[in-house]
Amino acid sequence: MKIGITKMYEDIANLIGLKDYEIVNPYKEKCNCDFLIISKGYKEGVKKLNPNAEIFEVKSATFKDLIETLEELKKLGIGNKEKINNSIEFLKNKEKRIKKLAKNLNVKVNPKTDFVRKVVEDLNLEISDDGILIIPDYLFDGKERDDAIILKTHNYDLGLVERIEDRYLQMVNNLRGFYEGSYKGKCK
């Protein structure tokens, strides 16, 4: 089976112990692959260009999402089961350490999107309409503001696991800064 992975999710290959794969761009071109690993939400468009490929959409907003993604790949027989189990354990430990940082945050937050809401819920933060507004950078108008936290959601300079970790840490650190008066309302 020929497996294609998008550049954004190349780290999946390492997490599942996949040695034989190709980096592809199935969003814009036909790929000669039997199985494509792509971003969630693009299946329909990718299927039009690659009608014969089995398409697998990665969920990765949270650690839980990524763990579920790895579990699904394991069920499909894609990758090495032992490597996947080790990666899942690694992710669970990383998530546990980060959640400890948020444990003492006694704040209410108002996530602007479902994407941000998933991270907020995973950190067990209280959601309220009168909480601190958290806006993803893709909806940010660029103006400095002191009434909201701007969350940089897709830092492409980081690997997949580091991007997830970065979202969590940004949220925890920015919420602390918000209450300490050091937050300046910019994407960090």
C-alpha atoms as a PDB file:
ATOM      1  CA  MET A   1       0.000   0.000   0.000  1.00  0.00           C
ATOM      2  CA  LYS A   2       1.346   3.390  -1.011  1.00  0.00           C
ATOM      3  CA  ILE A   3       0.720   5.990   1.710  1.00  0.00           C
ATOM      4  CA  GLY A   4       0.758   9.747   1.163  1.00  0.00           C
ATOM      5  CA  ILE A   5       0.943  12.295   3.969  1.00  0.00           C
ATOM      6  CA  THR A   6       0.558  16.045   3.692  1.00  0.00           C
ATOM      7  CA  LYS A   7       3.541  18.152   4.783  1.00  0.00           C
ATOM      8  CA  MET A   8       1.632  19.523   7.778  1.00  0.00           C
ATOM      9  CA  TYR A   9       1.193  15.999   9.146  1.00  0.00           C
ATOM     10  CA  GLU A  10       4.571  14.493   8.348  1.00  0.00           C
ATOM     11  CA  ASP A  11       5.130  14.025  12.098  1.00  0.00           C
ATOM     12  CA  ILE A  12       2.326  11.441  12.042  1.00  0.00           C
ATOM     13  CA  ALA A  13       4.712   9.085  10.233  1.00  0.00           C
ATOM     14  CA  ASN A  14       7.131   9.228  13.159  1.00  0.00           C
ATOM     15  CA  LEU A  15       4.369   8.921  15.766  1.00  0.00           C
ATOM     16  CA  ILE A  16       3.087   5.720  14.153  1.00  0.00           C
ATOM     17  CA  GLY A  17       6.464   4.315  13.097  1.00  0.00           C
ATOM     18  CA  LEU A  18       5.748   4.551   9.380  1.00  0.00           C
ATOM     19  CA  LYS A  19       8.890   4.241   7.281  1.00  0.00           C
ATOM     20  CA  ASP A  20       7.531   4.021   3.751  1.00  0.00           C
ATOM     21  CA  TYR A  21       5.439   7.034   2.765  1.00  0.00           C
ATOM     22  CA  GLU A  22       5.446  10.007   0.426  1.00  0.00           C
ATOM     23  CA  ILE A  23       4.887  13.717   1.171  1.00  0.00           C
ATOM     24  CA  VAL A  24       2.029  14.823  -1.072  1.00  0.00           C
ATOM     25  CA  ASN A  25      -0.272  17.768  -1.749  1.00  0.00           C
ATOM     26  CA  PRO A  26      -3.615  16.065  -2.431  1.00  0.00           C
ATOM     27  CA  TYR A  27      -5.489  19.340  -1.950  1.00  0.00           C
ATOM     28  CA  LYS A  28      -4.265  20.632  -5.317  1.00  0.00           C
ATOM     29  CA  GLU A  29      -3.116  17.610  -7.309  1.00  0.00           C
ATOM     30  CA  LYS A  30      -3.745  13.965  -8.027  1.00  0.00           C
ATOM     31  CA  CYS A  31      -1.503  11.667  -5.995  1.00  0.00           C
ATOM     32  CA  ASN A  32      -0.544   8.128  -6.875  1.00  0.00           C
ATOM     33  CA  CYS A  33      -1.364   6.782  -3.400  1.00  0.00           C
ATOM     34  CA  ASP A  34      -3.725   4.187  -1.980  1.00  0.00           C
ATOM     35  CA  PHE A  35      -4.084   5.893   1.407  1.00  0.00           C
ATOM     36  CA  LEU A  36      -3.896   9.645   2.070  1.00  0.00           C
ATOM     37  CA  ILE A  37      -3.443  11.295   5.466  1.00  0.00           C
ATOM     38  CA  ILE A  38      -4.853  14.841   5.339  1.00  0.00           C
ATOM     39  CA  SER A  39      -6.256  17.694   7.451  1.00  0.00           C
ATOM     40  CA  LYS A  40      -9.784  17.321   8.779  1.00  0.00           C
ATOM     41  CA  GLY A  41     -12.366  19.128   6.687  1.00  0.00           C
ATOM     42  CA  TYR A  42     -10.816  18.602   3.241  1.00  0.00           C
ATOM     43  CA  LYS A  43     -11.958  15.070   2.422  1.00  0.00           C
ATOM     44  CA  GLU A  44     -14.524  16.035  -0.212  1.00  0.00           C
ATOM     45  CA  GLY A  45     -12.100  18.154  -2.259  1.00  0.00           C
ATOM     46  CA  VAL A  46      -9.282  15.630  -1.949  1.00  0.00           C
ATOM     47  CA  LYS A  47     -11.622  12.804  -2.992  1.00  0.00           C
ATOM     48  CA  LYS A  48     -12.462  14.654  -6.225  1.00  0.00           C
ATOM     49  CA  LEU A  49      -8.780  14.767  -7.168  1.00  0.00           C
ATOM     50  CA  ASN A  50      -7.992  11.302  -5.779  1.00  0.00           C
ATOM     51  CA  PRO A  51     -11.141   9.196  -6.225  1.00  0.00           C
ATOM     52  CA  ASN A  52      -9.409   5.840  -5.769  1.00  0.00           C
ATOM     53  CA  ALA A  53      -7.512   6.676  -2.580  1.00  0.00           C
ATOM     54  CA  GLU A  54      -8.724   5.890   0.908  1.00  0.00           C
ATOM     55  CA  ILE A  55      -8.700   9.211   2.760  1.00  0.00           C
ATOM     56  CA  PHE A  56      -7.962   9.598   6.454  1.00  0.00           C
ATOM     57  CA  GLU A  57      -8.557  12.962   8.128  1.00  0.00           C
ATOM     58  CA  VAL A  58      -6.324  13.924  11.062  1.00  0.00           C
ATOM     59  CA  LYS A  59      -7.855  15.623  14.081  1.00  0.00           C
ATOM     60  CA  SER A  60      -5.246  17.598  16.003  1.00  0.00           C
ATOM     61  CA  ALA A  61      -6.704  20.598  17.816  1.00  0.00           C
ATOM     62  CA  THR A  62      -6.022  18.915  21.175  1.00  0.00           C
ATOM     63  CA  PHE A  63      -3.913  16.113  22.594  1.00  0.00           C
ATOM     64  CA  LYS A  64      -7.109  14.061  22.888  1.00  0.00           C
ATOM     65  CA  ASP A  65      -7.770  14.578  19.167  1.00  0.00           C
ATOM     66  CA  LEU A  66      -4.286  13.431  18.221  1.00  0.00           C
ATOM     67  CA  ILE A  67      -4.476  10.404  20.516  1.00  0.00           C
ATOM     68  CA  GLU A  68      -7.805   9.434  18.909  1.00  0.00           C
ATOM     69  CA  THR A  69      -6.218   9.879  15.475  1.00  0.00           C
ATOM     70  CA  LEU A  70      -3.371   7.517  16.397  1.00  0.00           C
ATOM     71  CA  GLU A  71      -5.849   4.976  17.818  1.00  0.00           C
ATOM     72  CA  GLU A  72      -7.841   5.070  14.574  1.00  0.00           C
ATOM     73  CA  LEU A  73      -4.703   4.558  12.472  1.00  0.00           C
ATOM     74  CA  LYS A  74      -3.758   1.606  14.693  1.00  0.00           C
ATOM     75  CA  LYS A  75      -7.218   0.060  14.148  1.00  0.00           C
ATOM     76  CA  LEU A  76      -6.752   0.470  10.406  1.00  0.00           C
ATOM     77  CA  GLY A  77      -3.407  -1.327  10.594  1.00  0.00           C
ATOM     78  CA  ILE A  78      -1.455   1.739   9.483  1.00  0.00           C
ATOM     79  CA  GLY A  79       1.908   1.978  11.278  1.00  0.00           C
ATOM     80  CA  ASN A  80       3.569  -0.042  14.020  1.00  0.00           C
ATOM     81  CA  LYS A  81       1.276  -0.881  16.988  1.00  0.00           C
ATOM     82  CA  GLU A  82       4.078  -0.752  19.556  1.00  0.00           C
ATOM     83  CA  LYS A  83       5.315   2.624  18.270  1.00  0.00           C
ATOM     84  CA  ILE A  84       1.750   3.959  18.271  1.00  0.00           C
ATOM     85  CA  ASN A  85       1.202   2.775  21.863  1.00  0.00           C
ATOM     86  CA  ASN A  86       4.468   4.457  22.924  1.00  0.00           C
ATOM     87  CA  SER A  87       3.451   7.685  21.150  1.00  0.00           C
ATOM     88  CA  ILE A  88       0.050   7.654  22.847  1.00  0.00           C
ATOM     89  CA  GLU A  89       1.712   7.240  26.245  1.00  0.00           C
ATOM     90  CA  PHE A  90       4.100  10.104  25.398  1.00  0.00           C
ATOM     91  CA  LEU A  91       1.179  12.362  24.421  1.00  0.00           C
ATOM     92  CA  LYS A  92      -0.814  11.495  27.545  1.00  0.00           C
ATOM     93  CA  ASN A  93       2.170  12.375  29.754  1.00  0.00           C
ATOM     94  CA  LYS A  94       2.737  15.667  27.922  1.00  0.00           C
ATOM     95  CA  GLU A  95      -0.958  16.530  28.236  1.00  0.00           C
ATOM     96  CA  LYS A  96      -0.960  15.705  31.948  1.00  0.00           C
ATOM     97  CA  ARG A  97       2.023  18.023  32.604  1.00  0.00           C
ATOM     98  CA  ILE A  98       0.407  20.914  30.747  1.00  0.00           C
ATOM     99  CA  LYS A  99      -2.967  20.440  32.426  1.00  0.00           C
ATOM    100  CA  LYS A 100      -1.241  20.752  35.801  1.00  0.00           C
ATOM    101  CA  LEU A 101      -0.166  24.265  34.780  1.00  0.00           C
ATOM    102  CA  ALA A 102      -3.803  25.224  34.214  1.00  0.00           C
ATOM    103  CA  LYS A 103      -5.081  23.615  37.407  1.00  0.00           C
ATOM    104  CA  ASN A 104      -4.732  26.772  39.526  1.00  0.00           C
ATOM    105  CA  LEU A 105      -6.256  29.081  36.932  1.00  0.00           C
ATOM    106  CA  ASN A 106      -9.536  30.162  38.449  1.00  0.00           C
ATOM    107  CA  VAL A 107     -10.841  32.002  35.389  1.00  0.00           C
ATOM    108  CA  LYS A 108     -13.851  32.119  33.146  1.00  0.00           C
ATOM    109  CA  VAL A 109     -13.188  32.190  29.416  1.00  0.00           C
ATOM    110  CA  ASN A 110     -15.289  32.856  26.361  1.00  0.00           C
ATOM    111  CA  PRO A 111     -13.870  30.931  23.383  1.00  0.00           C
ATOM    112  CA  LYS A 112     -14.806  32.516  20.043  1.00  0.00           C
ATOM    113  CA  THR A 113     -14.698  29.294  17.959  1.00  0.00           C
ATOM    114  CA  ASP A 114     -15.253  25.564  18.370  1.00  0.00           C
ATOM    115  CA  PHE A 115     -11.529  25.058  17.744  1.00  0.00           C
ATOM    116  CA  VAL A 116     -10.593  27.270  20.712  1.00  0.00           C
ATOM    117  CA  ARG A 117     -13.439  25.794  22.781  1.00  0.00           C
ATOM    118  CA  LYS A 118     -11.925  22.319  22.414  1.00  0.00           C
ATOM    119  CA  VAL A 119      -8.623  23.481  23.912  1.00  0.00           C
ATOM    120  CA  VAL A 120     -10.425  25.393  26.688  1.00  0.00           C
ATOM    121  CA  GLU A 121     -12.537  22.354  27.566  1.00  0.00           C
ATOM    122  CA  ASP A 122      -9.502  20.086  27.529  1.00  0.00           C
ATOM    123  CA  LEU A 123      -7.800  22.418  30.028  1.00  0.00           C
ATOM    124  CA  ASN A 124     -10.953  22.189  32.183  1.00  0.00           C
ATOM    125  CA  LEU A 125     -11.423  25.957  32.192  1.00  0.00           C
ATOM    126  CA  GLU A 126     -14.842  27.404  32.961  1.00  0.00           C
ATOM    127  CA  ILE A 127     -16.705  28.670  29.895  1.00  0.00           C
ATOM    128  CA  SER A 128     -18.905  31.723  30.302  1.00  0.00           C
ATOM    129  CA  ASP A 129     -20.283  34.503  28.100  1.00  0.00           C
ATOM    130  CA  ASP A 130     -18.811  37.013  30.563  1.00  0.00           C
ATOM    131  CA  GLY A 131     -15.398  35.327  30.591  1.00  0.00           C
ATOM    132  CA  ILE A 132     -12.173  36.460  28.937  1.00  0.00           C
ATOM    133  CA  LEU A 133     -12.675  36.410  25.183  1.00  0.00           C
ATOM    134  CA  ILE A 134     -10.252  34.114  23.354  1.00  0.00           C
ATOM    135  CA  ILE A 135      -9.976  34.736  19.618  1.00  0.00           C
ATOM    136  CA  PRO A 136      -8.021  32.567  17.164  1.00  0.00           C
ATOM    137  CA  ASP A 137      -5.475  34.496  15.110  1.00  0.00           C
ATOM    138  CA  TYR A 138      -7.292  33.743  11.860  1.00  0.00           C
ATOM    139  CA  LEU A 139     -10.210  35.901  13.086  1.00  0.00           C
ATOM    140  CA  PHE A 140      -7.995  38.627  14.570  1.00  0.00           C
ATOM    141  CA  ASP A 141      -8.195  42.016  12.834  1.00  0.00           C
ATOM    142  CA  GLY A 142      -4.636  43.009  13.803  1.00  0.00           C
ATOM    143  CA  LYS A 143      -5.599  45.808  16.173  1.00  0.00           C
ATOM    144  CA  GLU A 144      -4.107  45.700  19.645  1.00  0.00           C
ATOM    145  CA  ARG A 145      -6.748  44.964  22.237  1.00  0.00           C
ATOM    146  CA  ASP A 146      -6.755  44.502  25.966  1.00  0.00           C
ATOM    147  CA  ASP A 147     -10.159  42.838  26.271  1.00  0.00           C
ATOM    148  CA  ALA A 148      -9.263  39.532  24.607  1.00  0.00           C
ATOM    149  CA  ILE A 149      -6.557  36.928  24.208  1.00  0.00           C
ATOM    150  CA  ILE A 150      -5.412  36.242  20.660  1.00  0.00           C
ATOM    151  CA  LEU A 151      -4.420  32.605  20.218  1.00  0.00           C
ATOM    152  CA  LYS A 152      -1.922  31.751  17.487  1.00  0.00           C
ATOM    153  CA  THR A 153      -3.424  28.524  16.232  1.00  0.00           C
ATOM    154  CA  HIS A 154      -1.211  27.220  13.431  1.00  0.00           C
ATOM    155  CA  ASN A 155       2.437  27.905  14.109  1.00  0.00           C
ATOM    156  CA  TYR A 156       3.840  26.068  11.083  1.00  0.00           C
ATOM    157  CA  ASP A 157       7.436  26.502  12.298  1.00  0.00           C
ATOM    158  CA  LEU A 158       6.660  23.876  14.941  1.00  0.00           C
ATOM    159  CA  GLY A 159       6.080  20.161  14.579  1.00  0.00           C
ATOM    160  CA  LEU A 160       2.618  18.689  15.077  1.00  0.00           C
ATOM    161  CA  VAL A 161       2.964  17.849  18.786  1.00  0.00           C
ATOM    162  CA  GLU A 162       4.713  21.141  19.475  1.00  0.00           C
ATOM    163  CA  ARG A 163       1.883  23.060  17.741  1.00  0.00           C
ATOM    164  CA  ILE A 164      -0.670  21.452  20.048  1.00  0.00           C
ATOM    165  CA  GLU A 165       1.510  22.052  23.098  1.00  0.00           C
ATOM    166  CA  ASP A 166       2.064  25.660  22.019  1.00  0.00           C
ATOM    167  CA  ARG A 167      -1.700  26.336  21.895  1.00  0.00           C
ATOM    168  CA  TYR A 168      -2.146  25.036  25.428  1.00  0.00           C
ATOM    169  CA  LEU A 169       0.843  26.947  26.798  1.00  0.00           C
ATOM    170  CA  GLN A 170      -0.187  30.160  25.037  1.00  0.00           C
ATOM    171  CA  MET A 171      -3.603  29.912  26.611  1.00  0.00           C
ATOM    172  CA  VAL A 172      -2.283  29.191  30.118  1.00  0.00           C
ATOM    173  CA  ASN A 173       0.457  31.836  29.969  1.00  0.00           C
ATOM    174  CA  ASN A 174      -1.763  34.479  28.371  1.00  0.00           C
ATOM    175  CA  LEU A 175      -4.529  33.917  30.930  1.00  0.00           C
ATOM    176  CA  ARG A 176      -1.969  34.363  33.695  1.00  0.00           C
ATOM    177  CA  GLY A 177      -0.640  37.488  31.972  1.00  0.00           C
ATOM    178  CA  PHE A 178      -4.156  38.795  31.520  1.00  0.00           C
ATOM    179  CA  TYR A 179      -4.726  38.732  35.277  1.00  0.00           C
ATOM    180  CA  GLU A 180      -1.250  39.977  36.137  1.00  0.00           C
ATOM    181  CA  GLY A 181      -1.658  42.908  33.749  1.00  0.00           C
ATOM    182  CA  SER A 182       1.274  41.924  31.504  1.00  0.00           C
ATOM    183  CA  TYR A 183      -0.800  40.640  28.553  1.00  0.00           C
ATOM    184  CA  LYS A 184      -0.707  43.081  25.601  1.00  0.00           C
ATOM    185  CA  GLY A 185      -3.373  41.642  23.278  1.00  0.00           C
ATOM    186  CA  LYS A 186      -1.067  40.518  20.474  1.00  0.00           C
ATOM    187  CA  CYS A 187      -0.438  37.155  18.895  1.00  0.00           C
ATOM    188  CA  LYS A 188       2.480  35.661  20.754  1.00  0.00           C
END
